Amino acid sequence: MSPQRATARKIAPTRLPLNEPVLRPSFRRERRALKNGIWPVAGCDEVGRGPLAGPVVAAAVVLDPDRIPRGLNDSKKLDAQTRDVLYQKICATAQVAVAFGSIARIDRDNILRASLWALARAVAALPCTPQLVYVDGNMKIDVACDCEAVVGGDALVTSIAAASIVAKVTRDRLMKRLGLHHPGYGFERHMGYSVPEHFRALQALGPTPHHRRSFAPVAAKLGLIEDAEAADAIITGLLPE
């Protein structure tokens, strides 16, 4: 065996260090825009595309570069208590606006269009007029300024992360109020999402006015699916065994 081969066999494969810092959203994009004379810059995000009940909620946030709250992150990576604390800090230091895509709009236009509409409305409702908007996802929204879609933006862009927190806290609080008005559905726990508790309540109590009629499990319960056996199968298939 040649000395070169012997040496090669002794070289261990390179491994990534286990103590790599956790990736957090960065304000890099916003600072670059500010340096180029582009300001205000807004981040926007929505929450509530997947639930069977409740509106989709969108938020737009323009952070103050000199007063960015510590700990901003994708709302899904934060517990409820941390989100509530950050929500208060965001609202105290930033320009914030919220918009709702109603149940009627979701059922009429579909959830995607309702979400994009709510995102655009949130930007339009900001106290200041942004020159650039970063939006979470792969689709731009209809706003009167430049817009950049960022896939996974709530985990990459600080302004979008802030918007995700505002949207999440706002929607959760709304669903908790709906839970008080419609006891037995568990809205205050699952926020209208597709979980076994919600399916059991839907089966036993039927839909409320806040359920999305265009979503299959709700449509099945309302008799909007003509094939009765298919409608029964939708509900039964979603119940836990």
C-alpha atoms as a PDB file:
ATOM      1  CA  MET A   1       0.000   0.000   0.000  1.00  0.00           C
ATOM      2  CA  SER A   2       1.363   3.405  -0.910  1.00  0.00           C
ATOM      3  CA  PRO A   3       2.070   5.967   1.839  1.00  0.00           C
ATOM      4  CA  GLN A   4      -0.497   8.299   0.228  1.00  0.00           C
ATOM      5  CA  ARG A   5      -3.290   5.720   0.583  1.00  0.00           C
ATOM      6  CA  ALA A   6      -2.337   4.927   4.179  1.00  0.00           C
ATOM      7  CA  THR A   7      -2.471   8.608   5.041  1.00  0.00           C
ATOM      8  CA  ALA A   8      -5.817   9.020   3.297  1.00  0.00           C
ATOM      9  CA  ARG A   9      -7.391   6.205   5.325  1.00  0.00           C
ATOM     10  CA  LYS A  10      -6.402   7.863   8.591  1.00  0.00           C
ATOM     11  CA  ILE A  11      -8.241  11.102   7.790  1.00  0.00           C
ATOM     12  CA  ALA A  12     -11.577  11.114   9.622  1.00  0.00           C
ATOM     13  CA  PRO A  13     -14.642  12.504   7.840  1.00  0.00           C
ATOM     14  CA  THR A  14     -15.510  16.100   8.628  1.00  0.00           C
ATOM     15  CA  ARG A  15     -18.427  16.403  11.041  1.00  0.00           C
ATOM     16  CA  LEU A  16     -20.594  19.409  11.740  1.00  0.00           C
ATOM     17  CA  PRO A  17     -20.180  20.672  15.300  1.00  0.00           C
ATOM     18  CA  LEU A  18     -23.080  19.753  17.573  1.00  0.00           C
ATOM     19  CA  ASN A  19     -23.010  23.119  19.309  1.00  0.00           C
ATOM     20  CA  GLU A  20     -23.942  25.158  16.234  1.00  0.00           C
ATOM     21  CA  PRO A  21     -25.982  28.238  17.263  1.00  0.00           C
ATOM     22  CA  VAL A  22     -29.705  28.038  16.598  1.00  0.00           C
ATOM     23  CA  LEU A  23     -30.656  29.966  13.458  1.00  0.00           C
ATOM     24  CA  ARG A  24     -32.754  33.030  14.295  1.00  0.00           C
ATOM     25  CA  PRO A  25     -34.344  35.705  12.121  1.00  0.00           C
ATOM     26  CA  SER A  26     -32.021  38.492  11.013  1.00  0.00           C
ATOM     27  CA  PHE A  27     -32.581  42.216  10.470  1.00  0.00           C
ATOM     28  CA  ARG A  28     -29.994  42.104   7.667  1.00  0.00           C
ATOM     29  CA  ARG A  29     -32.434  42.638   4.798  1.00  0.00           C
ATOM     30  CA  GLU A  30     -34.082  45.599   6.492  1.00  0.00           C
ATOM     31  CA  ARG A  31     -30.767  47.249   7.328  1.00  0.00           C
ATOM     32  CA  ARG A  32     -29.594  46.816   3.742  1.00  0.00           C
ATOM     33  CA  ALA A  33     -32.739  48.542   2.510  1.00  0.00           C
ATOM     34  CA  LEU A  34     -32.312  51.342   5.046  1.00  0.00           C
ATOM     35  CA  LYS A  35     -28.701  51.825   3.960  1.00  0.00           C
ATOM     36  CA  ASN A  36     -29.947  52.206   0.376  1.00  0.00           C
ATOM     37  CA  GLY A  37     -32.458  54.852   1.408  1.00  0.00           C
ATOM     38  CA  ILE A  38     -35.470  52.538   1.335  1.00  0.00           C
ATOM     39  CA  TRP A  39     -37.640  53.009   4.423  1.00  0.00           C
ATOM     40  CA  PRO A  40     -40.108  52.215   5.948  1.00  0.00           C
ATOM     41  CA  VAL A  41     -39.779  48.460   5.404  1.00  0.00           C
ATOM     42  CA  ALA A  42     -42.590  46.193   6.572  1.00  0.00           C
ATOM     43  CA  GLY A  43     -42.777  42.491   7.258  1.00  0.00           C
ATOM     44  CA  CYS A  44     -46.075  40.669   7.004  1.00  0.00           C
ATOM     45  CA  ASP A  45     -47.381  37.207   7.761  1.00  0.00           C
ATOM     46  CA  GLU A  46     -50.663  35.427   8.325  1.00  0.00           C
ATOM     47  CA  VAL A  47     -51.941  32.652  10.541  1.00  0.00           C
ATOM     48  CA  GLY A  48     -54.986  30.422  10.259  1.00  0.00           C
ATOM     49  CA  ARG A  49     -54.993  28.904   6.780  1.00  0.00           C
ATOM     50  CA  GLY A  50     -55.503  25.370   8.005  1.00  0.00           C
ATOM     51  CA  PRO A  51     -58.261  25.516  10.668  1.00  0.00           C
ATOM     52  CA  LEU A  52     -61.846  24.452  10.089  1.00  0.00           C
ATOM     53  CA  ALA A  53     -63.155  27.486  11.952  1.00  0.00           C
ATOM     54  CA  GLY A  54     -62.331  31.125  12.502  1.00  0.00           C
ATOM     55  CA  PRO A  55     -60.913  33.792  10.186  1.00  0.00           C
ATOM     56  CA  VAL A  56     -57.438  33.985   8.737  1.00  0.00           C
ATOM     57  CA  VAL A  57     -55.514  36.782  10.453  1.00  0.00           C
ATOM     58  CA  ALA A  58     -52.741  38.819   8.839  1.00  0.00           C
ATOM     59  CA  ALA A  59     -50.358  41.296  10.426  1.00  0.00           C
ATOM     60  CA  ALA A  60     -47.896  43.863   9.086  1.00  0.00           C
ATOM     61  CA  VAL A  61     -45.093  45.315  11.197  1.00  0.00           C
ATOM     62  CA  VAL A  62     -42.533  48.079  10.661  1.00  0.00           C
ATOM     63  CA  LEU A  63     -39.886  47.671  13.346  1.00  0.00           C
ATOM     64  CA  ASP A  64     -37.943  50.578  14.819  1.00  0.00           C
ATOM     65  CA  PRO A  65     -34.294  49.770  13.961  1.00  0.00           C
ATOM     66  CA  ASP A  66     -33.202  51.271  17.296  1.00  0.00           C
ATOM     67  CA  ARG A  67     -35.768  49.393  19.419  1.00  0.00           C
ATOM     68  CA  ILE A  68     -36.036  45.846  18.132  1.00  0.00           C
ATOM     69  CA  PRO A  69     -37.367  43.561  20.884  1.00  0.00           C
ATOM     70  CA  ARG A  70     -35.012  40.752  21.860  1.00  0.00           C
ATOM     71  CA  GLY A  71     -36.055  37.176  21.137  1.00  0.00           C
ATOM     72  CA  LEU A  72     -38.133  37.710  17.993  1.00  0.00           C
ATOM     73  CA  ASN A  73     -38.627  34.432  16.177  1.00  0.00           C
ATOM     74  CA  ASP A  74     -41.080  32.420  14.127  1.00  0.00           C
ATOM     75  CA  SER A  75     -44.231  32.331  16.283  1.00  0.00           C
ATOM     76  CA  LYS A  76     -44.447  28.542  15.867  1.00  0.00           C
ATOM     77  CA  LYS A  77     -41.115  28.192  17.700  1.00  0.00           C
ATOM     78  CA  LEU A  78     -42.285  30.173  20.738  1.00  0.00           C
ATOM     79  CA  ASP A  79     -44.540  29.158  23.611  1.00  0.00           C
ATOM     80  CA  ALA A  80     -47.725  31.117  24.318  1.00  0.00           C
ATOM     81  CA  GLN A  81     -46.285  33.069  27.254  1.00  0.00           C
ATOM     82  CA  THR A  82     -43.231  34.205  25.269  1.00  0.00           C
ATOM     83  CA  ARG A  83     -45.445  35.214  22.335  1.00  0.00           C
ATOM     84  CA  ASP A  84     -47.629  37.321  24.625  1.00  0.00           C
ATOM     85  CA  VAL A  85     -44.616  39.147  26.084  1.00  0.00           C
ATOM     86  CA  LEU A  86     -43.141  39.816  22.652  1.00  0.00           C
ATOM     87  CA  TYR A  87     -46.534  40.918  21.330  1.00  0.00           C
ATOM     88  CA  GLN A  88     -46.658  43.645  23.972  1.00  0.00           C
ATOM     89  CA  LYS A  89     -43.106  44.761  23.150  1.00  0.00           C
ATOM     90  CA  ILE A  90     -43.774  44.826  19.398  1.00  0.00           C
ATOM     91  CA  CYS A  91     -46.933  46.899  19.821  1.00  0.00           C
ATOM     92  CA  ALA A  92     -45.074  49.308  22.131  1.00  0.00           C
ATOM     93  CA  THR A  93     -42.124  49.931  19.810  1.00  0.00           C
ATOM     94  CA  ALA A  94     -43.243  49.294  16.216  1.00  0.00           C
ATOM     95  CA  GLN A  95     -45.849  50.310  13.648  1.00  0.00           C
ATOM     96  CA  VAL A  96     -48.433  47.510  13.608  1.00  0.00           C
ATOM     97  CA  ALA A  97     -51.599  46.704  11.666  1.00  0.00           C
ATOM     98  CA  VAL A  98     -53.869  43.662  11.561  1.00  0.00           C
ATOM     99  CA  ALA A  99     -56.484  42.505   9.044  1.00  0.00           C
ATOM    100  CA  PHE A 100     -58.948  39.617   8.976  1.00  0.00           C
ATOM    101  CA  GLY A 101     -60.062  37.366   6.144  1.00  0.00           C
ATOM    102  CA  SER A 102     -63.606  36.507   7.176  1.00  0.00           C
ATOM    103  CA  ILE A 103     -65.334  33.141   6.954  1.00  0.00           C
ATOM    104  CA  ALA A 104     -67.543  34.493   4.157  1.00  0.00           C
ATOM    105  CA  ARG A 105     -64.499  35.624   2.179  1.00  0.00           C
ATOM    106  CA  ILE A 106     -62.742  32.294   2.711  1.00  0.00           C
ATOM    107  CA  ASP A 107     -65.785  30.357   1.497  1.00  0.00           C
ATOM    108  CA  ARG A 108     -66.347  32.678  -1.452  1.00  0.00           C
ATOM    109  CA  ASP A 109     -62.781  33.166  -2.693  1.00  0.00           C
ATOM    110  CA  ASN A 110     -60.896  30.170  -1.162  1.00  0.00           C
ATOM    111  CA  ILE A 111     -58.397  30.290   1.691  1.00  0.00           C
ATOM    112  CA  LEU A 112     -55.370  31.283  -0.402  1.00  0.00           C
ATOM    113  CA  ARG A 113     -57.039  34.324  -1.943  1.00  0.00           C
ATOM    114  CA  ALA A 114     -58.518  35.336   1.400  1.00  0.00           C
ATOM    115  CA  SER A 115     -55.066  35.113   2.991  1.00  0.00           C
ATOM    116  CA  LEU A 116     -53.397  37.209   0.283  1.00  0.00           C
ATOM    117  CA  TRP A 117     -56.192  39.775   0.516  1.00  0.00           C
ATOM    118  CA  ALA A 118     -55.814  40.022   4.305  1.00  0.00           C
ATOM    119  CA  LEU A 119     -52.033  40.440   4.000  1.00  0.00           C
ATOM    120  CA  ALA A 120     -52.471  43.318   1.543  1.00  0.00           C
ATOM    121  CA  ARG A 121     -55.101  44.920   3.785  1.00  0.00           C
ATOM    122  CA  ALA A 122     -52.785  44.731   6.791  1.00  0.00           C
ATOM    123  CA  VAL A 123     -50.042  46.549   4.875  1.00  0.00           C
ATOM    124  CA  ALA A 124     -52.511  49.192   3.695  1.00  0.00           C
ATOM    125  CA  ALA A 125     -53.661  49.734   7.286  1.00  0.00           C
ATOM    126  CA  LEU A 126     -50.184  50.564   8.636  1.00  0.00           C
ATOM    127  CA  PRO A 127     -49.875  54.069  10.153  1.00  0.00           C
ATOM    128  CA  CYS A 128     -46.911  54.680   7.836  1.00  0.00           C
ATOM    129  CA  THR A 129     -46.644  53.866   4.137  1.00  0.00           C
ATOM    130  CA  PRO A 130     -43.872  51.315   3.487  1.00  0.00           C
ATOM    131  CA  GLN A 131     -41.577  51.513   0.492  1.00  0.00           C
ATOM    132  CA  LEU A 132     -40.797  47.795   0.654  1.00  0.00           C
ATOM    133  CA  VAL A 133     -42.675  44.802   2.031  1.00  0.00           C
ATOM    134  CA  TYR A 134     -41.307  41.378   2.895  1.00  0.00           C
ATOM    135  CA  VAL A 135     -44.004  38.708   2.953  1.00  0.00           C
ATOM    136  CA  ASP A 136     -43.711  35.153   4.186  1.00  0.00           C
ATOM    137  CA  GLY A 137     -44.176  32.501   1.498  1.00  0.00           C
ATOM    138  CA  ASN A 138     -43.650  32.221  -2.230  1.00  0.00           C
ATOM    139  CA  MET A 139     -46.295  34.676  -3.447  1.00  0.00           C
ATOM    140  CA  LYS A 140     -46.195  38.458  -3.578  1.00  0.00           C
ATOM    141  CA  ILE A 141     -49.182  40.515  -2.468  1.00  0.00           C
ATOM    142  CA  ASP A 142     -50.987  43.421  -4.101  1.00  0.00           C
ATOM    143  CA  VAL A 143     -49.467  46.460  -2.386  1.00  0.00           C
ATOM    144  CA  ALA A 144     -48.573  49.955  -3.580  1.00  0.00           C
ATOM    145  CA  CYS A 145     -44.827  49.440  -3.182  1.00  0.00           C
ATOM    146  CA  ASP A 146     -42.102  46.902  -3.887  1.00  0.00           C
ATOM    147  CA  CYS A 147     -42.781  43.460  -2.447  1.00  0.00           C
ATOM    148  CA  GLU A 148     -40.469  40.520  -1.919  1.00  0.00           C
ATOM    149  CA  ALA A 149     -41.713  37.030  -1.043  1.00  0.00           C
ATOM    150  CA  VAL A 150     -39.410  35.096   1.288  1.00  0.00           C
ATOM    151  CA  VAL A 151     -39.961  31.344   1.649  1.00  0.00           C
ATOM    152  CA  GLY A 152     -39.648  30.517   5.339  1.00  0.00           C
ATOM    153  CA  GLY A 153     -39.494  34.240   6.012  1.00  0.00           C
ATOM    154  CA  ASP A 154     -40.853  34.002   9.555  1.00  0.00           C
ATOM    155  CA  ALA A 155     -37.653  32.145  10.490  1.00  0.00           C
ATOM    156  CA  LEU A 156     -35.331  34.368   8.426  1.00  0.00           C
ATOM    157  CA  VAL A 157     -36.532  37.974   8.461  1.00  0.00           C
ATOM    158  CA  THR A 158     -37.023  39.767  11.774  1.00  0.00           C
ATOM    159  CA  SER A 159     -39.895  41.964  10.562  1.00  0.00           C
ATOM    160  CA  ILE A 160     -41.792  38.920   9.274  1.00  0.00           C
ATOM    161  CA  ALA A 161     -41.151  37.090  12.559  1.00  0.00           C
ATOM    162  CA  ALA A 162     -42.640  40.051  14.429  1.00  0.00           C
ATOM    163  CA  ALA A 163     -45.692  39.984  12.149  1.00  0.00           C
ATOM    164  CA  SER A 164     -46.110  36.245  12.712  1.00  0.00           C
ATOM    165  CA  ILE A 165     -46.218  36.833  16.479  1.00  0.00           C
ATOM    166  CA  VAL A 166     -48.782  39.626  16.199  1.00  0.00           C
ATOM    167  CA  ALA A 167     -50.992  37.562  13.881  1.00  0.00           C
ATOM    168  CA  LYS A 168     -50.756  34.443  16.064  1.00  0.00           C
ATOM    169  CA  VAL A 169     -51.516  36.205  19.358  1.00  0.00           C
ATOM    170  CA  THR A 170     -54.392  38.147  17.786  1.00  0.00           C
ATOM    171  CA  ARG A 171     -56.005  35.045  16.322  1.00  0.00           C
ATOM    172  CA  ASP A 172     -55.523  32.957  19.460  1.00  0.00           C
ATOM    173  CA  ARG A 173     -57.217  35.621  21.565  1.00  0.00           C
ATOM    174  CA  LEU A 174     -60.104  35.791  19.114  1.00  0.00           C
ATOM    175  CA  MET A 175     -60.576  32.018  19.134  1.00  0.00           C
ATOM    176  CA  LYS A 176     -60.569  31.982  22.936  1.00  0.00           C
ATOM    177  CA  ARG A 177     -63.425  34.503  22.867  1.00  0.00           C
ATOM    178  CA  LEU A 178     -65.298  32.342  20.377  1.00  0.00           C
ATOM    179  CA  GLY A 179     -64.771  29.431  22.753  1.00  0.00           C
ATOM    180  CA  LEU A 180     -66.677  31.334  25.439  1.00  0.00           C
ATOM    181  CA  HIS A 181     -69.587  31.945  23.063  1.00  0.00           C
ATOM    182  CA  HIS A 182     -69.626  28.363  21.745  1.00  0.00           C
ATOM    183  CA  PRO A 183     -68.856  26.029  24.667  1.00  0.00           C
ATOM    184  CA  GLY A 184     -68.182  22.409  23.873  1.00  0.00           C
ATOM    185  CA  TYR A 185     -66.086  22.929  20.746  1.00  0.00           C
ATOM    186  CA  GLY A 186     -62.761  23.565  22.473  1.00  0.00           C
ATOM    187  CA  PHE A 187     -61.876  26.602  20.359  1.00  0.00           C
ATOM    188  CA  GLU A 188     -59.958  27.998  23.328  1.00  0.00           C
ATOM    189  CA  ARG A 189     -57.615  25.000  23.201  1.00  0.00           C
ATOM    190  CA  HIS A 190     -57.202  23.990  19.558  1.00  0.00           C
ATOM    191  CA  MET A 191     -57.961  27.406  17.988  1.00  0.00           C
ATOM    192  CA  GLY A 192     -60.196  25.802  15.361  1.00  0.00           C
ATOM    193  CA  TYR A 193     -57.564  23.443  13.965  1.00  0.00           C
ATOM    194  CA  SER A 194     -58.226  19.906  12.755  1.00  0.00           C
ATOM    195  CA  VAL A 195     -57.704  17.856  15.903  1.00  0.00           C
ATOM    196  CA  PRO A 196     -59.723  14.874  17.244  1.00  0.00           C
ATOM    197  CA  GLU A 197     -61.442  17.005  19.901  1.00  0.00           C
ATOM    198  CA  HIS A 198     -62.701  19.352  17.205  1.00  0.00           C
ATOM    199  CA  PHE A 199     -63.926  16.514  14.985  1.00  0.00           C
ATOM    200  CA  ARG A 200     -65.825  14.959  17.896  1.00  0.00           C
ATOM    201  CA  ALA A 201     -67.503  18.293  18.666  1.00  0.00           C
ATOM    202  CA  LEU A 202     -68.365  18.823  15.010  1.00  0.00           C
ATOM    203  CA  GLN A 203     -69.918  15.370  14.866  1.00  0.00           C
ATOM    204  CA  ALA A 204     -71.906  15.835  18.085  1.00  0.00           C
ATOM    205  CA  LEU A 205     -72.884  19.514  17.918  1.00  0.00           C
ATOM    206  CA  GLY A 206     -72.710  20.401  14.237  1.00  0.00           C
ATOM    207  CA  PRO A 207     -71.037  23.494  12.740  1.00  0.00           C
ATOM    208  CA  THR A 208     -71.203  27.000  14.204  1.00  0.00           C
ATOM    209  CA  PRO A 209     -71.488  30.178  12.109  1.00  0.00           C
ATOM    210  CA  HIS A 210     -67.705  30.430  12.463  1.00  0.00           C
ATOM    211  CA  HIS A 211     -66.974  27.164  10.651  1.00  0.00           C
ATOM    212  CA  ARG A 212     -65.697  27.262   7.072  1.00  0.00           C
ATOM    213  CA  ARG A 213     -68.420  25.765   4.911  1.00  0.00           C
ATOM    214  CA  SER A 214     -65.989  25.248   2.003  1.00  0.00           C
ATOM    215  CA  PHE A 215     -63.787  22.894   4.051  1.00  0.00           C
ATOM    216  CA  ALA A 216     -64.690  19.248   3.477  1.00  0.00           C
ATOM    217  CA  PRO A 217     -65.465  18.115   7.077  1.00  0.00           C
ATOM    218  CA  VAL A 218     -67.777  21.104   7.609  1.00  0.00           C
ATOM    219  CA  ALA A 219     -69.394  20.758   4.191  1.00  0.00           C
ATOM    220  CA  ALA A 220     -70.023  17.094   4.911  1.00  0.00           C
ATOM    221  CA  LYS A 221     -71.735  17.881   8.205  1.00  0.00           C
ATOM    222  CA  LEU A 222     -73.871  20.585   6.588  1.00  0.00           C
ATOM    223  CA  GLY A 223     -75.018  18.227   3.861  1.00  0.00           C
ATOM    224  CA  LEU A 224     -73.314  20.256   1.150  1.00  0.00           C
ATOM    225  CA  ILE A 225     -71.720  17.122  -0.284  1.00  0.00           C
ATOM    226  CA  GLU A 226     -74.387  15.361  -2.331  1.00  0.00           C
ATOM    227  CA  ASP A 227     -73.025  11.836  -1.885  1.00  0.00           C
ATOM    228  CA  ALA A 228     -74.253  10.954   1.638  1.00  0.00           C
ATOM    229  CA  GLU A 229     -71.924   7.977   1.997  1.00  0.00           C
ATOM    230  CA  ALA A 230     -68.951  10.095   0.978  1.00  0.00           C
ATOM    231  CA  ALA A 231     -69.956  12.796   3.462  1.00  0.00           C
ATOM    232  CA  ASP A 232     -70.245  10.244   6.286  1.00  0.00           C
ATOM    233  CA  ALA A 233     -66.869   8.794   5.353  1.00  0.00           C
ATOM    234  CA  ILE A 234     -65.227  12.230   5.586  1.00  0.00           C
ATOM    235  CA  ILE A 235     -66.373  12.764   9.169  1.00  0.00           C
ATOM    236  CA  THR A 236     -65.906   9.157  10.299  1.00  0.00           C
ATOM    237  CA  GLY A 237     -62.429   8.988   8.813  1.00  0.00           C
ATOM    238  CA  LEU A 238     -61.356  12.012  10.818  1.00  0.00           C
ATOM    239  CA  LEU A 239     -62.559  10.733  14.196  1.00  0.00           C
ATOM    240  CA  PRO A 240     -59.979   8.940  16.386  1.00  0.00           C
ATOM    241  CA  GLU A 241     -60.297   5.167  16.559  1.00  0.00           C
END
